[in-house]
């Protein structure tokens, strides 16, 4: 089982959240439980196809 960290907050009626590894892709829900399901779905989409998902790299310079 893999654990993923996320950031969330409440804005009016909705909870907003994003996976910390993918901060450009937010999702929302009426409850925290609904929001967690949306994040799982988002992660599954990213796992299947990483086109358009920003990646991190390291550049070594002299």
PDB file of N, CA and C in Angstrom:
ATOM      1  N   UNK A   1       0.850  -1.184   0.000  1.00  0.00           N
ATOM      2  CA  UNK A   1       0.000   0.000   0.000  1.00  0.00           C
ATOM      3  C   UNK A   1       0.889   1.237   0.000  1.00  0.00           C
ATOM      4  N   UNK A   2       0.582   2.192  -0.843  1.00  0.00           N
ATOM      5  CA  UNK A   2       1.356   3.423  -0.956  1.00  0.00           C
ATOM      6  C   UNK A   2       0.622   4.551  -0.245  1.00  0.00           C
ATOM      7  N   UNK A   3       1.368   5.363   0.480  1.00  0.00           N
ATOM      8  CA  UNK A   3       0.797   6.537   1.147  1.00  0.00           C
ATOM      9  C   UNK A   3       1.206   7.785   0.394  1.00  0.00           C
ATOM     10  N   UNK A   4       0.271   8.684   0.214  1.00  0.00           N
ATOM     11  CA  UNK A   4       0.529   9.950  -0.469  1.00  0.00           C
ATOM     12  C   UNK A   4       0.130  11.093   0.447  1.00  0.00           C
ATOM     13  N   UNK A   5       0.956  12.103   0.509  1.00  0.00           N
ATOM     14  CA  UNK A   5       0.621  13.283   1.300  1.00  0.00           C
ATOM     15  C   UNK A   5      -0.221  14.236   0.461  1.00  0.00           C
ATOM     16  N   UNK A   6      -1.133  14.949   1.118  1.00  0.00           N
ATOM     17  CA  UNK A   6      -1.967  15.922   0.430  1.00  0.00           C
ATOM     18  C   UNK A   6      -2.155  17.148   1.308  1.00  0.00           C
ATOM     19  N   UNK A   7      -2.572  18.220   0.689  1.00  0.00           N
ATOM     20  CA  UNK A   7      -2.878  19.474   1.366  1.00  0.00           C
ATOM     21  C   UNK A   7      -4.346  19.773   1.102  1.00  0.00           C
ATOM     22  N   UNK A   8      -5.064  20.202   2.154  1.00  0.00           N
ATOM     23  CA  UNK A   8      -6.488  20.520   1.956  1.00  0.00           C
ATOM     24  C   UNK A   8      -6.906  21.696   2.826  1.00  0.00           C
ATOM     25  N   UNK A   9      -8.017  22.305   2.446  1.00  0.00           N
ATOM     26  CA  UNK A   9      -8.609  23.392   3.192  1.00  0.00           C
ATOM     27  C   UNK A   9     -10.073  23.491   2.815  1.00  0.00           C
ATOM     28  N   UNK A  10     -10.830  24.191   3.634  1.00  0.00           N
ATOM     29  CA  UNK A  10     -12.255  24.393   3.347  1.00  0.00           C
ATOM     30  C   UNK A  10     -12.434  25.806   2.830  1.00  0.00           C
ATOM     31  N   UNK A  11     -13.184  25.924   1.739  1.00  0.00           N
ATOM     32  CA  UNK A  11     -13.473  27.213   1.129  1.00  0.00           C
ATOM     33  C   UNK A  11     -14.975  27.285   0.926  1.00  0.00           C
ATOM     34  N   UNK A  12     -15.652  27.958   1.818  1.00  0.00           N
ATOM     35  CA  UNK A  12     -17.114  28.004   1.739  1.00  0.00           C
ATOM     36  C   UNK A  12     -17.696  26.635   2.039  1.00  0.00           C
ATOM     37  N   UNK A  13     -18.473  26.104   1.106  1.00  0.00           N
ATOM     38  CA  UNK A  13     -19.124  24.806   1.279  1.00  0.00           C
ATOM     39  C   UNK A  13     -18.217  23.633   0.930  1.00  0.00           C
ATOM     40  N   UNK A  14     -17.145  23.875   0.187  1.00  0.00           N
ATOM     41  CA  UNK A  14     -16.352  22.790  -0.380  1.00  0.00           C
ATOM     42  C   UNK A  14     -15.010  22.621   0.309  1.00  0.00           C
ATOM     43  N   UNK A  15     -14.533  21.397   0.266  1.00  0.00           N
ATOM     44  CA  UNK A  15     -13.167  21.101   0.651  1.00  0.00           C
ATOM     45  C   UNK A  15     -12.337  21.058  -0.633  1.00  0.00           C
ATOM     46  N   UNK A  16     -11.199  21.714  -0.623  1.00  0.00           N
ATOM     47  CA  UNK A  16     -10.284  21.714  -1.766  1.00  0.00           C
ATOM     48  C   UNK A  16      -9.024  20.978  -1.348  1.00  0.00           C
ATOM     49  N   UNK A  17      -8.424  20.281  -2.298  1.00  0.00           N
ATOM     50  CA  UNK A  17      -7.271  19.470  -1.956  1.00  0.00           C
ATOM     51  C   UNK A  17      -6.455  19.173  -3.189  1.00  0.00           C
ATOM     52  N   UNK A  18      -5.159  18.938  -2.949  1.00  0.00           N
ATOM     53  CA  UNK A  18      -4.281  18.453  -4.014  1.00  0.00           C
ATOM     54  C   UNK A  18      -3.256  17.511  -3.406  1.00  0.00           C
ATOM     55  N   UNK A  19      -2.785  16.598  -4.238  1.00  0.00           N
ATOM     56  CA  UNK A  19      -1.701  15.723  -3.839  1.00  0.00           C
ATOM     57  C   UNK A  19      -0.422  16.551  -3.848  1.00  0.00           C
ATOM     58  N   UNK A  20       0.389  16.450  -2.811  1.00  0.00           N
ATOM     59  CA  UNK A  20       1.585  17.288  -2.719  1.00  0.00           C
ATOM     60  C   UNK A  20       2.545  17.061  -3.879  1.00  0.00           C
ATOM     61  N   UNK A  21       2.565  15.865  -4.448  1.00  0.00           N
ATOM     62  CA  UNK A  21       3.416  15.607  -5.611  1.00  0.00           C
ATOM     63  C   UNK A  21       2.864  16.232  -6.887  1.00  0.00           C
ATOM     64  N   UNK A  22       1.598  16.625  -6.891  1.00  0.00           N
ATOM     65  CA  UNK A  22       0.938  17.191  -8.076  1.00  0.00           C
ATOM     66  C   UNK A  22       0.148  18.444  -7.689  1.00  0.00           C
ATOM     67  N   UNK A  23       0.812  19.500  -7.199  1.00  0.00           N
ATOM     68  CA  UNK A  23       0.083  20.664  -6.677  1.00  0.00           C
ATOM     69  C   UNK A  23      -0.693  21.457  -7.717  1.00  0.00           C
ATOM     70  N   UNK A  24      -0.404  21.254  -8.990  1.00  0.00           N
ATOM     71  CA  UNK A  24      -1.129  21.994 -10.030  1.00  0.00           C
ATOM     72  C   UNK A  24      -2.495  21.398 -10.335  1.00  0.00           C
ATOM     73  N   UNK A  25      -2.810  20.265  -9.728  1.00  0.00           N
ATOM     74  CA  UNK A  25      -4.049  19.555 -10.044  1.00  0.00           C
ATOM     75  C   UNK A  25      -4.912  19.429  -8.786  1.00  0.00           C
ATOM     76  N   UNK A  26      -5.774  20.425  -8.592  1.00  0.00           N
ATOM     77  CA  UNK A  26      -6.647  20.417  -7.412  1.00  0.00           C
ATOM     78  C   UNK A  26      -7.958  19.714  -7.726  1.00  0.00           C
ATOM     79  N   UNK A  27      -8.584  19.252  -6.661  1.00  0.00           N
ATOM     80  CA  UNK A  27      -9.917  18.684  -6.780  1.00  0.00           C
ATOM     81  C   UNK A  27     -10.740  19.180  -5.606  1.00  0.00           C
ATOM     82  N   UNK A  28     -12.044  18.999  -5.677  1.00  0.00           N
ATOM     83  CA  UNK A  28     -12.906  19.471  -4.598  1.00  0.00           C
ATOM     84  C   UNK A  28     -13.980  18.447  -4.299  1.00  0.00           C
ATOM     85  N   UNK A  29     -14.572  18.586  -3.126  1.00  0.00           N
ATOM     86  CA  UNK A  29     -15.657  17.699  -2.738  1.00  0.00           C
ATOM     87  C   UNK A  29     -16.480  18.319  -1.630  1.00  0.00           C
ATOM     88  N   UNK A  30     -17.658  17.753  -1.406  1.00  0.00           N
ATOM     89  CA  UNK A  30     -18.534  18.255  -0.352  1.00  0.00           C
ATOM     90  C   UNK A  30     -18.108  17.760   1.026  1.00  0.00           C
ATOM     91  N   UNK A  31     -17.451  16.607   1.081  1.00  0.00           N
ATOM     92  CA  UNK A  31     -16.974  16.032   2.329  1.00  0.00           C
ATOM     93  C   UNK A  31     -15.525  15.593   2.154  1.00  0.00           C
ATOM     94  N   UNK A  32     -14.845  15.374   3.263  1.00  0.00           N
ATOM     95  CA  UNK A  32     -13.472  14.892   3.179  1.00  0.00           C
ATOM     96  C   UNK A  32     -13.421  13.498   2.571  1.00  0.00           C
ATOM     97  N   UNK A  33     -14.397  12.658   2.887  1.00  0.00           N
ATOM     98  CA  UNK A  33     -14.434  11.304   2.327  1.00  0.00           C
ATOM     99  C   UNK A  33     -14.576  11.361   0.805  1.00  0.00           C
ATOM    100  N   UNK A  34     -15.492  12.188   0.314  1.00  0.00           N
ATOM    101  CA  UNK A  34     -15.672  12.349  -1.132  1.00  0.00           C
ATOM    102  C   UNK A  34     -14.380  12.869  -1.766  1.00  0.00           C
ATOM    103  N   UNK A  35     -13.726  13.804  -1.087  1.00  0.00           N
ATOM    104  CA  UNK A  35     -12.499  14.377  -1.605  1.00  0.00           C
ATOM    105  C   UNK A  35     -11.383  13.345  -1.694  1.00  0.00           C
ATOM    106  N   UNK A  36     -11.281  12.460  -0.710  1.00  0.00           N
ATOM    107  CA  UNK A  36     -10.270  11.407  -0.751  1.00  0.00           C
ATOM    108  C   UNK A  36     -10.503  10.464  -1.933  1.00  0.00           C
ATOM    109  N   UNK A  37     -11.746  10.165  -2.224  1.00  0.00           N
ATOM    110  CA  UNK A  37     -12.055   9.318  -3.384  1.00  0.00           C
ATOM    111  C   UNK A  37     -11.644  10.015  -4.681  1.00  0.00           C
ATOM    112  N   UNK A  38     -11.869  11.322  -4.749  1.00  0.00           N
ATOM    113  CA  UNK A  38     -11.487  12.080  -5.940  1.00  0.00           C
ATOM    114  C   UNK A  38      -9.964  12.078  -6.099  1.00  0.00           C
ATOM    115  N   UNK A  39      -9.230  12.203  -4.985  1.00  0.00           N
ATOM    116  CA  UNK A  39      -7.767  12.191  -5.045  1.00  0.00           C
ATOM    117  C   UNK A  39      -7.239  10.832  -5.474  1.00  0.00           C
ATOM    118  N   UNK A  40      -7.873   9.764  -5.015  1.00  0.00           N
ATOM    119  CA  UNK A  40      -7.465   8.419  -5.436  1.00  0.00           C
ATOM    120  C   UNK A  40      -7.639   8.277  -6.942  1.00  0.00           C
ATOM    121  N   UNK A  41      -8.746   8.761  -7.447  1.00  0.00           N
ATOM    122  CA  UNK A  41      -9.005   8.714  -8.882  1.00  0.00           C
ATOM    123  C   UNK A  41      -7.979   9.547  -9.652  1.00  0.00           C
ATOM    124  N   UNK A  42      -7.659  10.725  -9.136  1.00  0.00           N
ATOM    125  CA  UNK A  42      -6.663  11.588  -9.767  1.00  0.00           C
ATOM    126  C   UNK A  42      -5.312  10.888  -9.806  1.00  0.00           C
ATOM    127  N   UNK A  43      -4.916  10.256  -8.717  1.00  0.00           N
ATOM    128  CA  UNK A  43      -3.637   9.553  -8.671  1.00  0.00           C
ATOM    129  C   UNK A  43      -3.613   8.386  -9.661  1.00  0.00           C
ATOM    130  N   UNK A  44      -4.711   7.662  -9.757  1.00  0.00           N
ATOM    131  CA  UNK A  44      -4.790   6.551 -10.718  1.00  0.00           C
ATOM    132  C   UNK A  44      -4.627   7.058 -12.146  1.00  0.00           C
ATOM    133  N   UNK A  45      -5.218   8.205 -12.450  1.00  0.00           N
ATOM    134  CA  UNK A  45      -5.062   8.803 -13.778  1.00  0.00           C
ATOM    135  C   UNK A  45      -3.600   9.148 -14.046  1.00  0.00           C
ATOM    136  N   UNK A  46      -2.934   9.739 -13.061  1.00  0.00           N
ATOM    137  CA  UNK A  46      -1.528  10.101 -13.222  1.00  0.00           C
ATOM    138  C   UNK A  46      -0.652   8.873 -13.356  1.00  0.00           C
ATOM    139  N   UNK A  47      -0.951   7.838 -12.617  1.00  0.00           N
ATOM    140  CA  UNK A  47      -0.150   6.615 -12.672  1.00  0.00           C
ATOM    141  C   UNK A  47      -0.245   5.957 -14.043  1.00  0.00           C
ATOM    142  N   UNK A  48      -1.406   6.061 -14.667  1.00  0.00           N
ATOM    143  CA  UNK A  48      -1.622   5.437 -15.966  1.00  0.00           C
ATOM    144  C   UNK A  48      -1.025   6.259 -17.103  1.00  0.00           C
ATOM    145  N   UNK A  49      -1.004   7.581 -16.943  1.00  0.00           N
ATOM    146  CA  UNK A  49      -0.563   8.448 -18.033  1.00  0.00           C
ATOM    147  C   UNK A  49       0.044   9.712 -17.442  1.00  0.00           C
ATOM    148  N   UNK A  50       1.347   9.871 -17.537  1.00  0.00           N
ATOM    149  CA  UNK A  50       1.998  11.030 -16.938  1.00  0.00           C
ATOM    150  C   UNK A  50       2.178  12.193 -17.903  1.00  0.00           C
ATOM    151  N   UNK A  51       1.549  12.156 -19.071  1.00  0.00           N
ATOM    152  CA  UNK A  51       1.602  13.294 -19.985  1.00  0.00           C
ATOM    153  C   UNK A  51       0.960  14.497 -19.319  1.00  0.00           C
ATOM    154  N   UNK A  52       1.626  15.612 -19.358  1.00  0.00           N
ATOM    155  CA  UNK A  52       1.082  16.836 -18.780  1.00  0.00           C
ATOM    156  C   UNK A  52       1.321  16.979 -17.294  1.00  0.00           C
ATOM    157  N   UNK A  53       1.905  15.969 -16.659  1.00  0.00           N
ATOM    158  CA  UNK A  53       2.184  16.039 -15.238  1.00  0.00           C
ATOM    159  C   UNK A  53       3.621  16.503 -15.063  1.00  0.00           C
ATOM    160  N   UNK A  54       3.812  17.563 -14.312  1.00  0.00           N
ATOM    161  CA  UNK A  54       5.157  18.078 -14.102  1.00  0.00           C
ATOM    162  C   UNK A  54       5.981  17.082 -13.290  1.00  0.00           C
ATOM    163  N   UNK A  55       7.209  16.918 -13.687  1.00  0.00           N
ATOM    164  CA  UNK A  55       8.138  16.008 -13.014  1.00  0.00           C
ATOM    165  C   UNK A  55       9.274  16.813 -12.408  1.00  0.00           C
ATOM    166  N   UNK A  56       9.975  16.219 -11.451  1.00  0.00           N
ATOM    167  CA  UNK A  56      11.130  16.866 -10.842  1.00  0.00           C
ATOM    168  C   UNK A  56      12.391  16.175 -11.338  1.00  0.00           C
ATOM    169  N   UNK A  57      13.442  16.947 -11.465  1.00  0.00           N
ATOM    170  CA  UNK A  57      14.730  16.399 -11.855  1.00  0.00           C
ATOM    171  C   UNK A  57      15.839  17.142 -11.151  1.00  0.00           C
ATOM    172  N   UNK A  58      17.037  16.660 -11.288  1.00  0.00           N
ATOM    173  CA  UNK A  58      18.208  17.291 -10.703  1.00  0.00           C
ATOM    174  C   UNK A  58      19.232  17.518 -11.792  1.00  0.00           C
ATOM    175  N   UNK A  59      19.746  18.717 -11.873  1.00  0.00           N
ATOM    176  CA  UNK A  59      20.761  19.060 -12.851  1.00  0.00           C
ATOM    177  C   UNK A  59      22.067  19.263 -12.099  1.00  0.00           C
ATOM    178  N   UNK A  60      23.094  18.563 -12.520  1.00  0.00           N
ATOM    179  CA  UNK A  60      24.412  18.704 -11.909  1.00  0.00           C
ATOM    180  C   UNK A  60      25.248  19.575 -12.831  1.00  0.00           C
ATOM    181  N   UNK A  61      25.781  20.666 -12.281  1.00  0.00           N
ATOM    182  CA  UNK A  61      26.619  21.566 -13.068  1.00  0.00           C
ATOM    183  C   UNK A  61      27.994  21.660 -12.402  1.00  0.00           C
ATOM    184  N   UNK A  62      28.992  21.931 -13.196  1.00  0.00           N
ATOM    185  CA  UNK A  62      30.382  21.973 -12.683  1.00  0.00           C
ATOM    186  C   UNK A  62      30.616  23.178 -11.822  1.00  0.00           C
TER     187      UNK A  62
END
